[in-house]
Amino acid sequence: MKIENVRNGVKLEVVVKPESTEEKLALEGGDLVFYTKEPPLHGRANASLIKFFSRVLNVSSSKMDIIHGYRKRNKVLLVREMNKEEVENIIRRVIES
């Protein structure tokens, strides 16, 4: 899981797998993987990613941006006003549940 503190929040790398049978977050081979039912068309998978992390991290979607990989499966998500430890703890709880 690649998460790092940056000046204004946290950067995390996420692999997005669109058109999955369910929406979930998993740790696979050290990579954080987000499965979404949405297709990779017209930004729908990206919107699903932002919505999911907004809900899980309890942060407004306006405090999140995809800063790299908007048109690729490997993305870098910026979450403002949180730190690495907070995000890691929440993600581990979500994955374990």
Protein backbone atom coordinates (compact mmCIF):
# COMPACT_ATOMS: atom_id res chain seq x y z
CA MET A 1 0.00 0.00 0.00
CA LYS A 2 1.61 3.24 -1.12
CA ILE A 3 0.48 6.15 1.01
CA GLU A 4 2.55 9.21 1.80
CA ASN A 5 2.14 12.49 3.61
CA VAL A 6 2.43 15.56 1.41
CA ARG A 7 2.28 19.26 2.24
CA ASN A 8 -1.50 19.57 2.08
CA GLY A 9 -2.68 16.04 2.85
CA VAL A 10 -2.04 12.46 1.77
CA LYS A 11 -1.23 10.87 -1.60
CA LEU A 12 -2.27 7.28 -2.15
CA GLU A 13 -1.84 5.01 -5.14
CA VAL A 14 -4.89 3.00 -6.15
CA VAL A 15 -5.42 0.47 -8.92
CA VAL A 16 -8.98 0.70 -10.26
CA LYS A 17 -10.70 -2.38 -11.68
CA PRO A 18 -13.89 -1.25 -13.45
CA GLU A 19 -16.90 -3.36 -14.37
CA SER A 20 -16.49 -5.65 -11.36
CA THR A 21 -19.33 -7.62 -9.83
CA GLU A 22 -19.10 -5.70 -6.54
CA GLU A 23 -17.70 -2.49 -5.11
CA LYS A 24 -14.87 -3.18 -2.67
CA LEU A 25 -11.35 -2.31 -1.60
CA ALA A 26 -8.62 -4.96 -1.41
CA LEU A 27 -4.90 -5.30 -0.85
CA GLU A 28 -3.32 -7.41 -3.59
CA GLY A 29 0.42 -7.96 -3.76
CA GLY A 30 1.07 -4.74 -1.86
CA ASP A 31 -1.23 -2.69 -4.14
CA LEU A 32 -4.42 -1.03 -2.98
CA VAL A 33 -7.12 -2.16 -5.45
CA PHE A 34 -10.56 -0.59 -5.81
CA TYR A 35 -13.21 -2.69 -7.56
CA THR A 36 -16.13 -0.76 -8.99
CA LYS A 37 -19.23 -1.80 -10.91
CA GLU A 38 -18.94 1.32 -13.09
CA PRO A 39 -17.45 1.15 -16.59
CA PRO A 40 -14.38 3.20 -17.51
CA LEU A 41 -16.47 5.54 -19.64
CA HIS A 42 -17.09 9.27 -19.28
CA GLY A 43 -15.32 9.37 -15.91
CA ARG A 44 -17.80 7.06 -14.22
CA ALA A 45 -15.15 4.78 -12.65
CA ASN A 46 -13.24 7.86 -11.43
CA ALA A 47 -16.39 9.34 -9.91
CA SER A 48 -17.08 6.02 -8.20
CA LEU A 49 -13.54 6.01 -6.76
CA ILE A 50 -13.93 9.54 -5.35
CA LYS A 51 -17.40 8.78 -3.96
CA PHE A 52 -16.20 5.54 -2.31
CA PHE A 53 -13.17 7.12 -0.63
CA SER A 54 -15.20 10.16 0.38
CA ARG A 55 -17.67 7.91 2.18
CA VAL A 56 -15.05 5.60 3.72
CA LEU A 57 -12.72 8.37 4.90
CA ASN A 58 -15.63 10.62 5.93
CA VAL A 59 -14.23 13.52 3.91
CA SER A 60 -16.00 15.79 1.45
CA SER A 61 -15.38 14.81 -2.16
CA SER A 62 -14.28 18.41 -2.76
CA LYS A 63 -11.19 17.61 -0.65
CA MET A 64 -10.12 14.82 -3.05
CA ASP A 65 -8.58 14.84 -6.49
CA ILE A 66 -7.11 12.33 -8.88
CA ILE A 67 -3.74 13.97 -9.47
CA HIS A 68 -2.24 11.32 -11.75
CA GLY A 69 -3.64 8.59 -13.98
CA TYR A 70 -7.06 10.07 -14.72
CA ARG A 71 -7.32 7.96 -17.89
CA LYS A 72 -5.41 4.93 -16.59
CA ARG A 73 -6.15 2.16 -14.10
CA ASN A 74 -3.24 3.16 -11.83
CA LYS A 75 -4.19 6.39 -10.12
CA VAL A 76 -2.78 8.72 -7.50
CA LEU A 77 -5.44 10.18 -5.23
CA LEU A 78 -4.83 13.30 -3.13
CA VAL A 79 -6.84 13.56 0.09
CA ARG A 80 -6.55 16.97 1.71
CA GLU A 81 -6.57 17.63 5.46
CA MET A 82 -5.77 14.05 6.53
CA ASN A 83 -2.53 12.34 7.47
CA LYS A 84 -1.00 9.01 6.51
CA GLU A 85 -1.75 7.29 9.82
CA GLU A 86 -5.45 8.23 9.73
CA VAL A 87 -5.87 7.02 6.16
CA GLU A 88 -3.94 3.78 6.73
CA ASN A 89 -5.98 2.91 9.83
CA ILE A 90 -9.30 3.49 8.05
CA ILE A 91 -8.26 1.57 4.94
CA ARG A 92 -7.04 -1.41 6.99
CA ARG A 93 -10.39 -1.54 8.81
CA VAL A 94 -12.29 -1.42 5.51
CA ILE A 95 -10.17 -4.18 3.97
CA GLU A 96 -10.50 -6.43 7.04
CA SER A 97 -14.29 -6.07 7.24
